[in-house]
PDB file of N, CA and C in Angstrom:
ATOM      1  N   UNK A   1      28.134  53.889   5.590  1.00  0.00           N
ATOM      2  CA  UNK A   1      26.881  53.819   5.330  1.00  0.00           C
ATOM      3  C   UNK A   1      25.917  54.581   6.366  1.00  0.00           C
ATOM      4  N   UNK A   2      24.979  55.035   5.831  1.00  0.00           N
ATOM      5  CA  UNK A   2      24.060  55.833   6.987  1.00  0.00           C
ATOM      6  C   UNK A   2      23.008  54.935   7.418  1.00  0.00           C
ATOM      7  N   UNK A   3      22.425  55.293   8.408  1.00  0.00           N
ATOM      8  CA  UNK A   3      21.248  54.623   9.048  1.00  0.00           C
ATOM      9  C   UNK A   3      20.058  54.332   7.858  1.00  0.00           C
ATOM     10  N   UNK A   4      19.837  55.450   7.159  1.00  0.00           N
ATOM     11  CA  UNK A   4      18.736  55.506   6.200  1.00  0.00           C
ATOM     12  C   UNK A   4      19.127  54.367   5.070  1.00  0.00           C
ATOM     13  N   UNK A   5      20.142  54.149   4.497  1.00  0.00           N
ATOM     14  CA  UNK A   5      20.738  53.216   3.488  1.00  0.00           C
ATOM     15  C   UNK A   5      20.638  52.057   4.156  1.00  0.00           C
ATOM     16  N   UNK A   6      21.086  51.800   5.417  1.00  0.00           N
ATOM     17  CA  UNK A   6      20.932  50.312   6.097  1.00  0.00           C
ATOM     18  C   UNK A   6      19.423  49.951   6.120  1.00  0.00           C
ATOM     19  N   UNK A   7      18.563  50.731   6.477  1.00  0.00           N
ATOM     20  CA  UNK A   7      17.216  50.442   6.725  1.00  0.00           C
ATOM     21  C   UNK A   7      16.573  50.187   5.180  1.00  0.00           C
ATOM     22  N   UNK A   8      17.049  50.654   4.213  1.00  0.00           N
ATOM     23  CA  UNK A   8      16.550  50.659   3.064  1.00  0.00           C
ATOM     24  C   UNK A   8      17.072  49.336   2.484  1.00  0.00           C
ATOM     25  N   UNK A   9      18.305  48.973   2.683  1.00  0.00           N
ATOM     26  CA  UNK A   9      18.801  47.422   2.154  1.00  0.00           C
ATOM     27  C   UNK A   9      17.948  46.380   3.073  1.00  0.00           C
ATOM     28  N   UNK A  10      17.892  46.634   4.217  1.00  0.00           N
ATOM     29  CA  UNK A  10      17.248  45.686   4.955  1.00  0.00           C
ATOM     30  C   UNK A  10      15.593  45.525   4.835  1.00  0.00           C
ATOM     31  N   UNK A  11      15.150  46.766   4.339  1.00  0.00           N
ATOM     32  CA  UNK A  11      13.629  46.493   3.843  1.00  0.00           C
ATOM     33  C   UNK A  11      13.631  45.849   2.656  1.00  0.00           C
ATOM     34  N   UNK A  12      14.519  46.016   1.619  1.00  0.00           N
ATOM     35  CA  UNK A  12      14.495  45.220   0.535  1.00  0.00           C
ATOM     36  C   UNK A  12      14.720  43.686   0.783  1.00  0.00           C
ATOM     37  N   UNK A  13      15.739  43.464   1.448  1.00  0.00           N
ATOM     38  CA  UNK A  13      15.818  41.929   1.823  1.00  0.00           C
ATOM     39  C   UNK A  13      14.645  41.219   2.550  1.00  0.00           C
ATOM     40  N   UNK A  14      13.912  42.041   3.459  1.00  0.00           N
ATOM     41  CA  UNK A  14      12.905  41.514   4.004  1.00  0.00           C
ATOM     42  C   UNK A  14      11.612  41.358   2.840  1.00  0.00           C
ATOM     43  N   UNK A  15      11.695  42.209   1.938  1.00  0.00           N
ATOM     44  CA  UNK A  15      10.688  41.935   1.027  1.00  0.00           C
ATOM     45  C   UNK A  15      11.018  40.890   0.002  1.00  0.00           C
ATOM     46  N   UNK A  16      12.173  40.813  -0.233  1.00  0.00           N
ATOM     47  CA  UNK A  16      12.588  39.598  -1.219  1.00  0.00           C
ATOM     48  C   UNK A  16      12.501  38.170  -0.458  1.00  0.00           C
ATOM     49  N   UNK A  17      12.958  38.141   0.820  1.00  0.00           N
ATOM     50  CA  UNK A  17      12.668  36.909   1.679  1.00  0.00           C
ATOM     51  C   UNK A  17      11.191  36.540   1.780  1.00  0.00           C
ATOM     52  N   UNK A  18      10.224  37.482   1.968  1.00  0.00           N
ATOM     53  CA  UNK A  18       8.884  37.345   2.004  1.00  0.00           C
ATOM     54  C   UNK A  18       8.347  36.889   0.751  1.00  0.00           C
ATOM     55  N   UNK A  19       8.782  37.487  -0.347  1.00  0.00           N
ATOM     56  CA  UNK A  19       8.330  37.004  -1.713  1.00  0.00           C
ATOM     57  C   UNK A  19       8.584  35.475  -1.895  1.00  0.00           C
ATOM     58  N   UNK A  20       9.919  35.203  -1.661  1.00  0.00           N
ATOM     59  CA  UNK A  20      10.335  33.829  -1.818  1.00  0.00           C
ATOM     60  C   UNK A  20       9.649  32.804  -0.919  1.00  0.00           C
ATOM     61  N   UNK A  21       9.367  33.339   0.273  1.00  0.00           N
ATOM     62  CA  UNK A  21       8.564  32.300   1.091  1.00  0.00           C
ATOM     63  C   UNK A  21       7.374  32.132   0.670  1.00  0.00           C
ATOM     64  N   UNK A  22       6.635  33.137   0.271  1.00  0.00           N
ATOM     65  CA  UNK A  22       5.305  32.861  -0.168  1.00  0.00           C
ATOM     66  C   UNK A  22       5.108  32.034  -1.485  1.00  0.00           C
ATOM     67  N   UNK A  23       6.215  32.263  -2.413  1.00  0.00           N
ATOM     68  CA  UNK A  23       6.246  31.461  -3.537  1.00  0.00           C
ATOM     69  C   UNK A  23       6.430  30.083  -3.187  1.00  0.00           C
ATOM     70  N   UNK A  24       7.485  29.688  -2.402  1.00  0.00           N
ATOM     71  CA  UNK A  24       7.792  28.369  -2.008  1.00  0.00           C
ATOM     72  C   UNK A  24       6.507  27.655  -1.441  1.00  0.00           C
ATOM     73  N   UNK A  25       5.921  28.535  -0.542  1.00  0.00           N
ATOM     74  CA  UNK A  25       4.580  28.030   0.214  1.00  0.00           C
ATOM     75  C   UNK A  25       3.522  27.550  -0.703  1.00  0.00           C
ATOM     76  N   UNK A  26       3.444  28.573  -1.842  1.00  0.00           N
ATOM     77  CA  UNK A  26       2.453  28.287  -2.935  1.00  0.00           C
ATOM     78  C   UNK A  26       2.694  26.911  -3.779  1.00  0.00           C
ATOM     79  N   UNK A  27       3.965  26.725  -4.254  1.00  0.00           N
ATOM     80  CA  UNK A  27       4.558  25.605  -4.778  1.00  0.00           C
ATOM     81  C   UNK A  27       4.345  24.403  -3.910  1.00  0.00           C
ATOM     82  N   UNK A  28       4.566  24.487  -2.805  1.00  0.00           N
ATOM     83  CA  UNK A  28       4.272  23.208  -1.789  1.00  0.00           C
ATOM     84  C   UNK A  28       2.763  22.764  -1.879  1.00  0.00           C
ATOM     85  N   UNK A  29       2.035  24.110  -1.691  1.00  0.00           N
ATOM     86  CA  UNK A  29       0.512  23.725  -1.535  1.00  0.00           C
ATOM     87  C   UNK A  29       0.103  23.051  -2.685  1.00  0.00           C
ATOM     88  N   UNK A  30       0.352  23.590  -3.876  1.00  0.00           N
ATOM     89  CA  UNK A  30       0.062  22.894  -5.120  1.00  0.00           C
ATOM     90  C   UNK A  30       0.518  21.514  -5.409  1.00  0.00           C
ATOM     91  N   UNK A  31       1.828  21.203  -4.982  1.00  0.00           N
ATOM     92  CA  UNK A  31       2.333  19.859  -4.990  1.00  0.00           C
ATOM     93  C   UNK A  31       1.379  18.757  -4.057  1.00  0.00           C
ATOM     94  N   UNK A  32       1.029  19.364  -2.889  1.00  0.00           N
ATOM     95  CA  UNK A  32       0.292  18.442  -2.034  1.00  0.00           C
ATOM     96  C   UNK A  32      -0.890  18.301  -2.732  1.00  0.00           C
ATOM     97  N   UNK A  33      -1.504  19.156  -3.171  1.00  0.00           N
ATOM     98  CA  UNK A  33      -2.842  19.120  -3.885  1.00  0.00           C
ATOM     99  C   UNK A  33      -2.954  18.147  -5.007  1.00  0.00           C
ATOM    100  N   UNK A  34      -1.700  17.970  -5.710  1.00  0.00           N
ATOM    101  CA  UNK A  34      -1.660  16.883  -6.869  1.00  0.00           C
ATOM    102  C   UNK A  34      -1.540  15.472  -6.377  1.00  0.00           C
ATOM    103  N   UNK A  35      -1.230  15.261  -5.120  1.00  0.00           N
ATOM    104  CA  UNK A  35      -1.122  13.918  -4.568  1.00  0.00           C
ATOM    105  C   UNK A  35      -2.423  13.303  -4.604  1.00  0.00           C
ATOM    106  N   UNK A  36      -2.608  12.182  -5.068  1.00  0.00           N
ATOM    107  CA  UNK A  36      -3.906  11.512  -5.022  1.00  0.00           C
ATOM    108  C   UNK A  36      -3.882  10.572  -4.175  1.00  0.00           C
ATOM    109  N   UNK A  37      -4.811  10.342  -3.100  1.00  0.00           N
ATOM    110  CA  UNK A  37      -4.966   9.258  -2.343  1.00  0.00           C
ATOM    111  C   UNK A  37      -5.266   7.963  -2.864  1.00  0.00           C
ATOM    112  N   UNK A  38      -4.475   6.845  -2.723  1.00  0.00           N
ATOM    113  CA  UNK A  38      -4.985   5.647  -3.340  1.00  0.00           C
ATOM    114  C   UNK A  38      -6.397   5.174  -3.041  1.00  0.00           C
ATOM    115  N   UNK A  39      -7.077   4.679  -3.927  1.00  0.00           N
ATOM    116  CA  UNK A  39      -8.297   4.081  -3.822  1.00  0.00           C
ATOM    117  C   UNK A  39      -8.323   2.684  -4.218  1.00  0.00           C
ATOM    118  N   UNK A  40      -9.335   1.998  -4.077  1.00  0.00           N
ATOM    119  CA  UNK A  40      -9.662   0.560  -4.325  1.00  0.00           C
ATOM    120  C   UNK A  40      -9.142   0.334  -5.816  1.00  0.00           C
ATOM    121  N   UNK A  41      -9.575   1.124  -6.794  1.00  0.00           N
ATOM    122  CA  UNK A  41      -9.039   0.879  -8.193  1.00  0.00           C
ATOM    123  C   UNK A  41      -7.714   1.082  -8.498  1.00  0.00           C
ATOM    124  N   UNK A  42      -6.930   1.929  -7.802  1.00  0.00           N
ATOM    125  CA  UNK A  42      -5.668   2.375  -8.058  1.00  0.00           C
ATOM    126  C   UNK A  42      -4.674   1.593  -7.556  1.00  0.00           C
ATOM    127  N   UNK A  43      -5.148   0.568  -6.449  1.00  0.00           N
ATOM    128  CA  UNK A  43      -4.088  -0.368  -5.791  1.00  0.00           C
ATOM    129  C   UNK A  43      -3.840  -1.542  -6.814  1.00  0.00           C
ATOM    130  N   UNK A  44      -2.500  -1.903  -6.698  1.00  0.00           N
ATOM    131  CA  UNK A  44      -2.078  -2.729  -7.617  1.00  0.00           C
ATOM    132  C   UNK A  44      -1.392  -3.807  -6.860  1.00  0.00           C
ATOM    133  N   UNK A  45      -1.047  -5.058  -7.398  1.00  0.00           N
ATOM    134  CA  UNK A  45      -0.081  -6.043  -6.850  1.00  0.00           C
ATOM    135  C   UNK A  45       1.361  -5.422  -7.056  1.00  0.00           C
ATOM    136  N   UNK A  46       2.076  -5.105  -6.056  1.00  0.00           N
ATOM    137  CA  UNK A  46       3.238  -4.507  -6.213  1.00  0.00           C
ATOM    138  C   UNK A  46       3.962  -4.480  -5.004  1.00  0.00           C
ATOM    139  N   UNK A  47       5.023  -3.534  -5.029  1.00  0.00           N
ATOM    140  CA  UNK A  47       5.870  -3.275  -3.879  1.00  0.00           C
ATOM    141  C   UNK A  47       5.229  -2.564  -2.699  1.00  0.00           C
ATOM    142  N   UNK A  48       4.287  -1.688  -2.874  1.00  0.00           N
ATOM    143  CA  UNK A  48       3.573  -1.083  -1.983  1.00  0.00           C
ATOM    144  C   UNK A  48       2.357  -1.739  -1.401  1.00  0.00           C
ATOM    145  N   UNK A  49       2.089  -2.991  -1.824  1.00  0.00           N
ATOM    146  CA  UNK A  49       0.883  -3.801  -1.699  1.00  0.00           C
ATOM    147  C   UNK A  49       1.046  -4.640  -0.466  1.00  0.00           C
ATOM    148  N   UNK A  50      -0.085  -4.824   0.177  1.00  0.00           N
ATOM    149  CA  UNK A  50      -0.134  -5.733   1.320  1.00  0.00           C
ATOM    150  C   UNK A  50       0.256  -7.204   0.885  1.00  0.00           C
ATOM    151  N   UNK A  51       0.319  -7.607  -0.387  1.00  0.00           N
ATOM    152  CA  UNK A  51       0.602  -8.816  -0.744  1.00  0.00           C
ATOM    153  C   UNK A  51       1.954  -9.165  -0.420  1.00  0.00           C
ATOM    154  N   UNK A  52       2.835  -8.014  -0.374  1.00  0.00           N
ATOM    155  CA  UNK A  52       4.283  -8.090  -0.124  1.00  0.00           C
ATOM    156  C   UNK A  52       4.504  -8.808   1.103  1.00  0.00           C
ATOM    157  N   UNK A  53       3.555  -8.581   2.158  1.00  0.00           N
ATOM    158  CA  UNK A  53       4.061  -9.098   3.665  1.00  0.00           C
ATOM    159  C   UNK A  53       2.959 -10.299   3.881  1.00  0.00           C
ATOM    160  N   UNK A  54       1.810 -10.530   3.087  1.00  0.00           N
ATOM    161  CA  UNK A  54       0.903 -11.416   3.478  1.00  0.00           C
ATOM    162  C   UNK A  54       1.373 -12.756   3.178  1.00  0.00           C
ATOM    163  N   UNK A  55       1.237 -13.674   4.160  1.00  0.00           N
ATOM    164  CA  UNK A  55       1.761 -15.123   4.049  1.00  0.00           C
ATOM    165  C   UNK A  55       0.492 -15.996   4.207  1.00  0.00           C
ATOM    166  N   UNK A  56       0.557 -17.306   3.845  1.00  0.00           N
ATOM    167  CA  UNK A  56      -0.438 -18.309   4.059  1.00  0.00           C
ATOM    168  C   UNK A  56      -0.643 -18.377   5.544  1.00  0.00           C
ATOM    169  N   UNK A  57       0.320 -18.503   6.451  1.00  0.00           N
ATOM    170  CA  UNK A  57       0.270 -18.668   7.831  1.00  0.00           C
ATOM    171  C   UNK A  57      -0.753 -17.485   8.349  1.00  0.00           C
ATOM    172  N   UNK A  58      -0.551 -16.320   8.021  1.00  0.00           N
ATOM    173  CA  UNK A  58      -1.313 -15.183   8.493  1.00  0.00           C
ATOM    174  C   UNK A  58      -2.798 -15.174   7.921  1.00  0.00           C
ATOM    175  N   UNK A  59      -2.939 -15.527   6.613  1.00  0.00           N
ATOM    176  CA  UNK A  59      -4.196 -15.901   6.129  1.00  0.00           C
ATOM    177  C   UNK A  59      -5.081 -16.972   7.056  1.00  0.00           C
ATOM    178  N   UNK A  60      -4.227 -17.982   7.344  1.00  0.00           N
ATOM    179  CA  UNK A  60      -4.794 -19.176   8.164  1.00  0.00           C
ATOM    180  C   UNK A  60      -5.227 -18.669   9.442  1.00  0.00           C
ATOM    181  N   UNK A  61      -4.472 -18.026  10.196  1.00  0.00           N
ATOM    182  CA  UNK A  61      -4.615 -17.375  11.550  1.00  0.00           C
ATOM    183  C   UNK A  61      -5.930 -16.542  11.452  1.00  0.00           C
ATOM    184  N   UNK A  62      -5.998 -15.508  10.498  1.00  0.00           N
ATOM    185  CA  UNK A  62      -6.943 -14.547  10.445  1.00  0.00           C
ATOM    186  C   UNK A  62      -8.452 -15.212  10.165  1.00  0.00           C
ATOM    187  N   UNK A  63      -8.391 -16.112   9.016  1.00  0.00           N
ATOM    188  CA  UNK A  63      -9.600 -16.669   8.752  1.00  0.00           C
ATOM    189  C   UNK A  63      -9.931 -18.229   9.161  1.00  0.00           C
ATOM    190  N   UNK A  64      -9.167 -18.561  10.193  1.00  0.00           N
ATOM    191  CA  UNK A  64      -9.339 -19.991  10.717  1.00  0.00           C
ATOM    192  C   UNK A  64      -9.661 -21.050   9.810  1.00  0.00           C
ATOM    193  N   UNK A  65      -8.570 -20.928   8.714  1.00  0.00           N
ATOM    194  CA  UNK A  65      -8.746 -22.051   7.658  1.00  0.00           C
ATOM    195  C   UNK A  65      -7.313 -22.838   7.711  1.00  0.00           C
ATOM    196  N   UNK A  66      -7.429 -24.067   7.550  1.00  0.00           N
ATOM    197  CA  UNK A  66      -6.238 -24.708   7.530  1.00  0.00           C
ATOM    198  C   UNK A  66      -5.201 -24.407   6.464  1.00  0.00           C
ATOM    199  N   UNK A  67      -4.096 -24.437   6.655  1.00  0.00           N
ATOM    200  CA  UNK A  67      -2.764 -23.888   5.698  1.00  0.00           C
ATOM    201  C   UNK A  67      -2.930 -24.750   4.380  1.00  0.00           C
ATOM    202  N   UNK A  68      -3.344 -26.134   4.655  1.00  0.00           N
ATOM    203  CA  UNK A  68      -3.444 -27.054   3.259  1.00  0.00           C
ATOM    204  C   UNK A  68      -4.640 -26.702   2.607  1.00  0.00           C
ATOM    205  N   UNK A  69      -5.733 -26.216   3.084  1.00  0.00           N
ATOM    206  CA  UNK A  69      -6.967 -25.842   2.496  1.00  0.00           C
ATOM    207  C   UNK A  69      -6.574 -24.484   1.612  1.00  0.00           C
ATOM    208  N   UNK A  70      -5.867 -23.538   2.143  1.00  0.00           N
ATOM    209  CA  UNK A  70      -5.385 -22.452   1.429  1.00  0.00           C
ATOM    210  C   UNK A  70      -4.642 -22.692   0.342  1.00  0.00           C
ATOM    211  N   UNK A  71      -3.686 -23.512   0.432  1.00  0.00           N
ATOM    212  CA  UNK A  71      -2.829 -23.909  -0.724  1.00  0.00           C
ATOM    213  C   UNK A  71      -3.717 -24.596  -1.757  1.00  0.00           C
ATOM    214  N   UNK A  72      -4.760 -25.273  -1.411  1.00  0.00           N
ATOM    215  CA  UNK A  72      -5.572 -25.980  -2.349  1.00  0.00           C
ATOM    216  C   UNK A  72      -6.374 -24.955  -3.139  1.00  0.00           C
ATOM    217  N   UNK A  73      -6.932 -24.012  -2.565  1.00  0.00           N
ATOM    218  CA  UNK A  73      -7.459 -22.881  -3.191  1.00  0.00           C
ATOM    219  C   UNK A  73      -6.567 -22.026  -4.042  1.00  0.00           C
ATOM    220  N   UNK A  74      -5.501 -21.859  -3.680  1.00  0.00           N
ATOM    221  CA  UNK A  74      -4.452 -21.172  -4.440  1.00  0.00           C
ATOM    222  C   UNK A  74      -3.964 -22.021  -5.481  1.00  0.00           C
ATOM    223  N   UNK A  75      -4.116 -23.379  -5.541  1.00  0.00           N
ATOM    224  CA  UNK A  75      -3.833 -24.402  -6.606  1.00  0.00           C
ATOM    225  C   UNK A  75      -2.348 -24.400  -6.735  1.00  0.00           C
ATOM    226  N   UNK A  76      -1.819 -24.587  -5.350  1.00  0.00           N
ATOM    227  CA  UNK A  76      -0.344 -24.762  -5.214  1.00  0.00           C
ATOM    228  C   UNK A  76       0.140 -25.960  -4.424  1.00  0.00           C
ATOM    229  N   UNK A  77       0.914 -26.831  -4.879  1.00  0.00           N
ATOM    230  CA  UNK A  77       1.396 -28.101  -4.097  1.00  0.00           C
ATOM    231  C   UNK A  77       2.542 -27.405  -3.275  1.00  0.00           C
ATOM    232  N   UNK A  78       2.496 -27.431  -1.944  1.00  0.00           N
ATOM    233  CA  UNK A  78       3.408 -26.634  -1.239  1.00  0.00           C
ATOM    234  C   UNK A  78       4.764 -27.499  -0.733  1.00  0.00           C
ATOM    235  N   UNK A  79       5.822 -27.000  -0.524  1.00  0.00           N
ATOM    236  CA  UNK A  79       6.882 -27.435  -0.146  1.00  0.00           C
ATOM    237  C   UNK A  79       7.042 -27.002   1.569  1.00  0.00           C
ATOM    238  N   UNK A  80       7.915 -27.714   2.239  1.00  0.00           N
ATOM    239  CA  UNK A  80       8.196 -27.301   3.578  1.00  0.00           C
ATOM    240  C   UNK A  80       8.492 -25.824   3.497  1.00  0.00           C
ATOM    241  N   UNK A  81       7.904 -25.009   4.538  1.00  0.00           N
ATOM    242  CA  UNK A  81       8.274 -23.549   4.757  1.00  0.00           C
ATOM    243  C   UNK A  81       7.523 -22.594   3.939  1.00  0.00           C
ATOM    244  N   UNK A  82       6.862 -23.259   2.832  1.00  0.00           N
ATOM    245  CA  UNK A  82       6.069 -22.337   1.987  1.00  0.00           C
ATOM    246  C   UNK A  82       5.022 -21.416   2.566  1.00  0.00           C
ATOM    247  N   UNK A  83       4.688 -22.003   3.852  1.00  0.00           N
ATOM    248  CA  UNK A  83       3.428 -21.080   4.658  1.00  0.00           C
ATOM    249  C   UNK A  83       4.002 -19.799   5.175  1.00  0.00           C
ATOM    250  N   UNK A  84       5.383 -19.646   5.190  1.00  0.00           N
ATOM    251  CA  UNK A  84       6.041 -18.475   5.589  1.00  0.00           C
ATOM    252  C   UNK A  84       6.442 -17.476   4.638  1.00  0.00           C
ATOM    253  N   UNK A  85       6.281 -17.914   3.485  1.00  0.00           N
ATOM    254  CA  UNK A  85       6.740 -17.077   2.218  1.00  0.00           C
ATOM    255  C   UNK A  85       5.510 -16.203   1.838  1.00  0.00           C
ATOM    256  N   UNK A  86       5.779 -14.876   1.662  1.00  0.00           N
ATOM    257  CA  UNK A  86       4.707 -14.039   1.143  1.00  0.00           C
ATOM    258  C   UNK A  86       4.256 -14.426  -0.201  1.00  0.00           C
ATOM    259  N   UNK A  87       2.942 -14.062  -0.434  1.00  0.00           N
ATOM    260  CA  UNK A  87       2.000 -14.465  -1.448  1.00  0.00           C
ATOM    261  C   UNK A  87       2.763 -14.032  -2.988  1.00  0.00           C
ATOM    262  N   UNK A  88       3.381 -12.885  -2.858  1.00  0.00           N
ATOM    263  CA  UNK A  88       4.011 -12.465  -4.120  1.00  0.00           C
ATOM    264  C   UNK A  88       5.008 -13.404  -4.420  1.00  0.00           C
ATOM    265  N   UNK A  89       5.976 -13.753  -3.506  1.00  0.00           N
ATOM    266  CA  UNK A  89       6.981 -14.651  -3.753  1.00  0.00           C
ATOM    267  C   UNK A  89       6.650 -15.997  -4.293  1.00  0.00           C
ATOM    268  N   UNK A  90       5.312 -16.333  -3.560  1.00  0.00           N
ATOM    269  CA  UNK A  90       4.830 -17.777  -3.978  1.00  0.00           C
ATOM    270  C   UNK A  90       4.448 -17.548  -5.493  1.00  0.00           C
ATOM    271  N   UNK A  91       3.701 -16.508  -5.795  1.00  0.00           N
ATOM    272  CA  UNK A  91       3.254 -16.310  -7.202  1.00  0.00           C
ATOM    273  C   UNK A  91       4.358 -16.416  -8.027  1.00  0.00           C
ATOM    274  N   UNK A  92       5.648 -15.888  -7.784  1.00  0.00           N
ATOM    275  CA  UNK A  92       6.803 -16.138  -8.605  1.00  0.00           C
ATOM    276  C   UNK A  92       7.427 -17.564  -8.570  1.00  0.00           C
ATOM    277  N   UNK A  93       7.375 -18.203  -7.356  1.00  0.00           N
ATOM    278  CA  UNK A  93       8.023 -19.406  -7.367  1.00  0.00           C
ATOM    279  C   UNK A  93       7.234 -20.381  -8.020  1.00  0.00           C
ATOM    280  N   UNK A  94       6.014 -20.375  -7.991  1.00  0.00           N
ATOM    281  CA  UNK A  94       5.176 -21.357  -8.825  1.00  0.00           C
ATOM    282  C   UNK A  94       4.627 -20.954 -10.024  1.00  0.00           C
ATOM    283  N   UNK A  95       5.336 -19.844 -10.575  1.00  0.00           N
ATOM    284  CA  UNK A  95       4.833 -19.381 -11.920  1.00  0.00           C
ATOM    285  C   UNK A  95       3.397 -19.224 -12.056  1.00  0.00           C
ATOM    286  N   UNK A  96       2.802 -18.664 -11.108  1.00  0.00           N
ATOM    287  CA  UNK A  96       1.295 -18.294 -11.115  1.00  0.00           C
ATOM    288  C   UNK A  96       0.982 -16.790 -11.556  1.00  0.00           C
ATOM    289  N   UNK A  97      -0.049 -16.756 -12.402  1.00  0.00           N
ATOM    290  CA  UNK A  97      -0.616 -15.522 -12.746  1.00  0.00           C
ATOM    291  C   UNK A  97      -1.064 -14.626 -11.515  1.00  0.00           C
ATOM    292  N   UNK A  98      -0.411 -13.364 -11.357  1.00  0.00           N
ATOM    293  CA  UNK A  98      -0.896 -12.470 -10.191  1.00  0.00           C
ATOM    294  C   UNK A  98      -2.368 -12.288  -9.944  1.00  0.00           C
ATOM    295  N   UNK A  99      -2.975 -12.194 -11.196  1.00  0.00           N
ATOM    296  CA  UNK A  99      -4.406 -11.846 -11.336  1.00  0.00           C
ATOM    297  C   UNK A  99      -5.252 -13.213 -10.800  1.00  0.00           C
ATOM    298  N   UNK A 100      -4.682 -14.391 -11.262  1.00  0.00           N
ATOM    299  CA  UNK A 100      -5.327 -15.611 -10.662  1.00  0.00           C
ATOM    300  C   UNK A 100      -5.226 -15.674  -9.243  1.00  0.00           C
ATOM    301  N   UNK A 101      -3.926 -15.369  -8.692  1.00  0.00           N
ATOM    302  CA  UNK A 101      -3.775 -15.497  -7.206  1.00  0.00           C
ATOM    303  C   UNK A 101      -4.610 -14.530  -6.553  1.00  0.00           C
ATOM    304  N   UNK A 102      -4.765 -13.450  -7.070  1.00  0.00           N
ATOM    305  CA  UNK A 102      -5.739 -12.444  -6.455  1.00  0.00           C
ATOM    306  C   UNK A 102      -7.220 -12.925  -6.311  1.00  0.00           C
ATOM    307  N   UNK A 103      -7.609 -13.517  -7.548  1.00  0.00           N
ATOM    308  CA  UNK A 103      -8.929 -14.050  -7.390  1.00  0.00           C
ATOM    309  C   UNK A 103      -9.110 -15.306  -6.451  1.00  0.00           C
ATOM    310  N   UNK A 104      -7.781 -16.036  -6.296  1.00  0.00           N
ATOM    311  CA  UNK A 104      -8.092 -17.075  -5.520  1.00  0.00           C
ATOM    312  C   UNK A 104      -8.081 -16.618  -3.980  1.00  0.00           C
ATOM    313  N   UNK A 105      -7.436 -15.552  -3.615  1.00  0.00           N
ATOM    314  CA  UNK A 105      -7.424 -14.973  -2.354  1.00  0.00           C
ATOM    315  C   UNK A 105      -8.732 -14.515  -2.042  1.00  0.00           C
ATOM    316  N   UNK A 106      -9.374 -13.773  -3.107  1.00  0.00           N
ATOM    317  CA  UNK A 106     -10.791 -13.409  -2.916  1.00  0.00           C
ATOM    318  C   UNK A 106     -11.710 -14.330  -2.635  1.00  0.00           C
ATOM    319  N   UNK A 107     -11.421 -15.669  -3.337  1.00  0.00           N
ATOM    320  CA  UNK A 107     -12.444 -16.768  -2.999  1.00  0.00           C
ATOM    321  C   UNK A 107     -12.201 -17.329  -1.511  1.00  0.00           C
ATOM    322  N   UNK A 108     -11.094 -17.156  -0.805  1.00  0.00           N
ATOM    323  CA  UNK A 108     -10.793 -17.513   0.351  1.00  0.00           C
ATOM    324  C   UNK A 108     -11.558 -16.597   1.371  1.00  0.00           C
ATOM    325  N   UNK A 109     -11.651 -15.356   0.899  1.00  0.00           N
ATOM    326  CA  UNK A 109     -12.257 -14.333   1.954  1.00  0.00           C
ATOM    327  C   UNK A 109     -13.874 -14.594   1.573  1.00  0.00           C
ATOM    328  N   UNK A 110     -14.293 -14.633   0.510  1.00  0.00           N
ATOM    329  CA  UNK A 110     -15.671 -14.885   0.206  1.00  0.00           C
ATOM    330  C   UNK A 110     -16.148 -16.162   0.876  1.00  0.00           C
ATOM    331  N   UNK A 111     -15.545 -17.242   0.896  1.00  0.00           N
ATOM    332  CA  UNK A 111     -16.002 -18.395   1.526  1.00  0.00           C
ATOM    333  C   UNK A 111     -15.976 -18.080   2.912  1.00  0.00           C
ATOM    334  N   UNK A 112     -15.079 -17.514   3.564  1.00  0.00           N
ATOM    335  CA  UNK A 112     -14.999 -17.096   5.017  1.00  0.00           C
ATOM    336  C   UNK A 112     -16.203 -16.359   5.535  1.00  0.00           C
ATOM    337  N   UNK A 113     -16.352 -15.193   4.521  1.00  0.00           N
ATOM    338  CA  UNK A 113     -17.739 -14.408   4.775  1.00  0.00           C
ATOM    339  C   UNK A 113     -19.005 -15.303   4.797  1.00  0.00           C
ATOM    340  N   UNK A 114     -19.032 -16.290   3.715  1.00  0.00           N
ATOM    341  CA  UNK A 114     -20.173 -16.922   3.754  1.00  0.00           C
ATOM    342  C   UNK A 114     -20.432 -17.997   4.855  1.00  0.00           C
ATOM    343  N   UNK A 115     -19.367 -18.484   5.420  1.00  0.00           N
ATOM    344  CA  UNK A 115     -19.438 -19.570   6.458  1.00  0.00           C
ATOM    345  C   UNK A 115     -19.565 -18.567   7.788  1.00  0.00           C
ATOM    346  N   UNK A 116     -19.219 -17.229   7.904  1.00  0.00           N
ATOM    347  CA  UNK A 116     -19.681 -16.479   9.009  1.00  0.00           C
ATOM    348  C   UNK A 116     -21.151 -16.170   9.080  1.00  0.00           C
ATOM    349  N   UNK A 117     -21.656 -15.999   7.852  1.00  0.00           N
ATOM    350  CA  UNK A 117     -23.084 -15.718   7.802  1.00  0.00           C
ATOM    351  C   UNK A 117     -23.962 -16.874   8.205  1.00  0.00           C
ATOM    352  N   UNK A 118     -23.614 -18.076   7.854  1.00  0.00           N
ATOM    353  CA  UNK A 118     -24.286 -19.260   8.152  1.00  0.00           C
ATOM    354  C   UNK A 118     -24.217 -19.437   9.696  1.00  0.00           C
ATOM    355  N   UNK A 119     -23.236 -18.973  10.439  1.00  0.00           N
ATOM    356  CA  UNK A 119     -23.169 -19.150  11.822  1.00  0.00           C
ATOM    357  C   UNK A 119     -24.253 -18.103  12.396  1.00  0.00           C
ATOM    358  N   UNK A 120     -24.597 -17.132  11.883  1.00  0.00           N
ATOM    359  CA  UNK A 120     -25.443 -16.341  12.477  1.00  0.00           C
ATOM    360  C   UNK A 120     -26.989 -16.510  12.210  1.00  0.00           C
ATOM    361  N   UNK A 121     -27.284 -17.374  11.263  1.00  0.00           N
ATOM    362  CA  UNK A 121     -28.539 -17.559  10.859  1.00  0.00           C
ATOM    363  C   UNK A 121     -29.315 -18.403  11.649  1.00  0.00           C
TER     364      UNK A 121
END
């Protein structure tokens, strides 16, 4: 092979590799643009949710509410060790409706915010 033919083959390879690289970059960019950041409406109770790790003990520490009061708001009669079980598993254990549990958790947060508002008045 002559030098001219080697250079032409290398030039063609460079053009093909450049074309493939640009095409893959465009496909990757389009894929990234299709990913939607989760917002408040799209979040659900599920494996990716915070409810998977949230326990009554953590809620109790965060909002300075007794564990018994939290169980009362969640409408659950607890057994020993239930304070360390994640909310999702408590929902399944006591056959509660996930939407009902979510609303009860909102009540806890709302009550806490109301009591904090009274402190500052």
